[in-house]
């Protein structure tokens, strides 16, 4: 059996491969920048924490190091997940979880990352809601959405949470 490929098909395949290569290069450049930001904060404040003038200042520096470490870890996990998606090996770990607790954790992680003049607000309309889901993946969604809101919100507030609508739960982040 002979395989016949036209020059038009070869050109289309080449164009697709080149576009994919450009997208990956852009992604790597973007991720390099995204990783450097929290890493620079971790390195910089790690050097300052030893010379802090007061316990309060030392705690502030430690909190900044902690929140940037969480952000860096999340970025690395996101990158690993992208490669798992491409390889078709991404797995989910479904279990009973408390959505209210997850949102509270997200608030604690992100509250020190907002700019001066911006408030992070966790709406607690629904109270505690138990559901079956992948805690880490849902946390990842909130982290990505809140992180984007923090990046692009220069004043005002960022609100997030969830609400129950009949038999559905609707999560949101608004800025």
Protein backbone atom coordinates (compact mmCIF):
# COMPACT_ATOMS: atom_id res chain seq x y z
CA UNK A 1 0.00 0.00 0.00
CA UNK A 2 1.48 3.35 -1.04
CA UNK A 3 1.11 6.50 0.98
CA UNK A 4 0.61 9.58 -1.18
CA UNK A 5 0.98 12.98 0.46
CA UNK A 6 0.45 16.13 -1.54
CA UNK A 7 2.69 19.15 -1.24
CA UNK A 8 -0.34 21.08 0.04
CA UNK A 9 -0.80 18.58 2.91
CA UNK A 10 2.90 18.79 3.74
CA UNK A 11 2.74 22.60 3.77
CA UNK A 12 -0.28 22.55 6.10
CA UNK A 13 1.45 20.10 8.46
CA UNK A 14 4.58 22.28 8.46
CA UNK A 15 2.51 25.41 9.23
CA UNK A 16 0.79 23.64 12.13
CA UNK A 17 4.12 22.42 13.53
CA UNK A 18 5.64 25.91 13.27
CA UNK A 19 2.62 27.52 14.98
CA UNK A 20 2.82 24.94 17.76
CA UNK A 21 6.52 25.64 18.20
CA UNK A 22 5.89 29.42 18.41
CA UNK A 23 3.13 28.88 21.01
CA UNK A 24 5.41 26.71 23.15
CA UNK A 25 8.21 29.28 22.94
CA UNK A 26 5.80 32.06 24.00
CA UNK A 27 4.52 29.88 26.83
CA UNK A 28 8.05 29.14 28.08
CA UNK A 29 8.97 32.84 27.96
CA UNK A 30 5.82 33.72 29.91
CA UNK A 31 6.36 30.99 32.50
CA UNK A 32 10.00 32.01 32.97
CA UNK A 33 8.82 35.53 33.84
CA UNK A 34 6.04 34.19 36.08
CA UNK A 35 8.52 31.97 37.97
CA UNK A 36 11.14 34.70 38.40
CA UNK A 37 8.73 37.07 40.17
CA UNK A 38 8.01 34.92 43.26
CA UNK A 39 11.54 33.49 43.22
CA UNK A 40 13.05 36.99 43.39
CA UNK A 41 10.76 37.82 46.33
CA UNK A 42 11.76 34.61 48.13
CA UNK A 43 15.48 35.23 47.63
CA UNK A 44 15.28 38.94 48.46
CA UNK A 45 13.19 38.64 51.60
CA UNK A 46 15.16 35.60 52.77
CA UNK A 47 18.22 37.86 52.86
CA UNK A 48 16.32 40.62 54.69
CA UNK A 49 14.65 38.45 57.34
CA UNK A 50 17.90 37.97 59.30
CA UNK A 51 18.41 41.73 59.56
CA UNK A 52 14.81 42.60 60.47
CA UNK A 53 14.53 45.37 63.07
CA UNK A 54 11.55 43.92 64.94
CA UNK A 55 9.64 40.66 65.37
CA UNK A 56 6.76 42.22 63.41
CA UNK A 57 9.03 43.02 60.47
CA UNK A 58 10.54 39.52 60.63
CA UNK A 59 7.02 38.03 60.57
CA UNK A 60 6.05 40.25 57.62
CA UNK A 61 9.11 39.06 55.66
CA UNK A 62 8.38 35.44 56.59
CA UNK A 63 4.77 35.84 55.41
CA UNK A 64 5.95 37.31 52.10
CA UNK A 65 8.38 34.40 51.66
CA UNK A 66 5.62 31.92 52.51
CA UNK A 67 3.03 33.35 50.11
CA UNK A 68 5.56 33.59 47.27
CA UNK A 69 6.70 30.01 47.94
CA UNK A 70 3.07 28.88 47.60
CA UNK A 71 2.74 30.84 44.37
CA UNK A 72 5.96 29.37 42.96
CA UNK A 73 4.87 25.85 43.85
CA UNK A 74 1.50 26.44 42.19
CA UNK A 75 3.19 27.71 39.01
CA UNK A 76 5.42 24.64 38.86
CA UNK A 77 2.43 22.37 39.44
CA UNK A 78 0.55 24.14 36.63
CA UNK A 79 3.46 23.58 34.24
CA UNK A 80 3.63 19.90 35.20
CA UNK A 81 -0.13 19.59 34.69
CA UNK A 82 0.13 21.04 31.20
CA UNK A 83 2.64 18.36 30.25
CA UNK A 84 0.37 15.71 31.82
CA UNK A 85 -2.57 17.01 29.77
CA UNK A 86 -0.49 16.83 26.59
CA UNK A 87 0.60 13.28 27.46
CA UNK A 88 -2.95 12.25 28.38
CA UNK A 89 -1.91 11.27 31.93
CA UNK A 90 -3.66 13.92 34.04
CA UNK A 91 -5.52 12.25 36.90
CA UNK A 92 -8.18 13.47 39.29
CA UNK A 93 -8.51 12.58 42.97
CA UNK A 94 -12.22 12.81 43.81
CA UNK A 95 -13.17 12.84 47.49
CA UNK A 96 -15.53 14.58 49.87
CA UNK A 97 -14.38 18.14 50.46
CA UNK A 98 -15.60 21.34 52.11
CA UNK A 99 -15.80 24.17 49.56
CA UNK A 100 -16.04 26.81 52.30
CA UNK A 101 -12.77 25.59 53.81
CA UNK A 102 -11.10 25.55 50.39
CA UNK A 103 -12.14 29.18 49.80
CA UNK A 104 -10.88 30.19 53.26
CA UNK A 105 -7.52 28.56 52.44
CA UNK A 106 -7.43 30.52 49.17
CA UNK A 107 -8.14 33.75 51.04
CA UNK A 108 -5.25 33.11 53.46
CA UNK A 109 -2.87 32.33 50.59
CA UNK A 110 -3.76 35.40 48.52
CA UNK A 111 -4.62 38.13 51.04
CA UNK A 112 -1.01 39.39 51.27
CA UNK A 113 -0.52 39.36 47.49
CA UNK A 114 -2.99 42.16 46.62
CA UNK A 115 -1.68 45.63 45.85
CA UNK A 116 -2.08 48.51 48.26
CA UNK A 117 -5.50 50.03 47.62
CA UNK A 118 -7.01 46.67 46.65
CA UNK A 119 -9.10 44.54 48.98
CA UNK A 120 -9.51 40.79 48.67
CA UNK A 121 -12.99 39.80 49.80
CA UNK A 122 -14.21 36.26 50.39
CA UNK A 123 -18.00 36.24 50.07
CA UNK A 124 -19.53 33.73 52.44
CA UNK A 125 -23.11 33.58 51.17
CA UNK A 126 -23.50 29.83 51.21
CA UNK A 127 -21.64 28.87 54.39
CA UNK A 128 -20.07 25.44 54.37
CA UNK A 129 -20.91 23.16 51.44
CA UNK A 130 -19.64 19.60 51.14
CA UNK A 131 -19.20 18.11 47.70
CA UNK A 132 -17.26 15.39 45.95
CA UNK A 133 -14.45 16.82 43.87
CA UNK A 134 -10.71 17.14 43.41
CA UNK A 135 -9.59 19.60 46.10
CA UNK A 136 -6.25 20.34 44.46
CA UNK A 137 -7.70 20.95 40.98
CA UNK A 138 -10.42 23.22 42.34
CA UNK A 139 -7.85 25.12 44.42
CA UNK A 140 -5.78 25.44 41.26
CA UNK A 141 -8.71 27.03 39.40
CA UNK A 142 -9.30 29.56 42.19
CA UNK A 143 -5.56 30.29 42.46
CA UNK A 144 -5.27 30.96 38.74
CA UNK A 145 -8.35 33.19 38.62
CA UNK A 146 -7.47 35.12 41.79
CA UNK A 147 -3.85 35.42 40.62
CA UNK A 148 -4.98 36.96 37.34
CA UNK A 149 -7.31 39.34 39.17
CA UNK A 150 -4.46 40.41 41.47
CA UNK A 151 -2.21 41.01 38.47
CA UNK A 152 -4.70 43.26 36.69
CA UNK A 153 -6.52 45.01 39.55
CA UNK A 154 -4.87 48.26 40.66
CA UNK A 155 -7.64 49.62 42.89
CA UNK A 156 -10.96 48.55 44.35
CA UNK A 157 -11.65 44.99 45.33
CA UNK A 158 -11.45 41.40 44.20
CA UNK A 159 -14.38 39.28 45.36
CA UNK A 160 -14.54 35.53 45.21
CA UNK A 161 -16.54 32.66 46.60
CA UNK A 162 -19.41 30.46 45.50
CA UNK A 163 -23.16 30.32 45.65
CA UNK A 164 -25.70 27.53 45.50
CA UNK A 165 -28.19 27.77 42.64
CA UNK A 166 -30.65 24.91 42.88
CA UNK A 167 -28.65 21.72 42.43
CA UNK A 168 -25.58 23.58 41.13
CA UNK A 169 -22.71 25.30 42.86
CA UNK A 170 -21.32 28.33 41.03
CA UNK A 171 -17.81 29.47 41.90
CA UNK A 172 -16.67 32.96 40.91
CA UNK A 173 -13.90 35.54 41.04
CA UNK A 174 -14.72 39.14 40.14
CA UNK A 175 -12.59 42.28 40.05
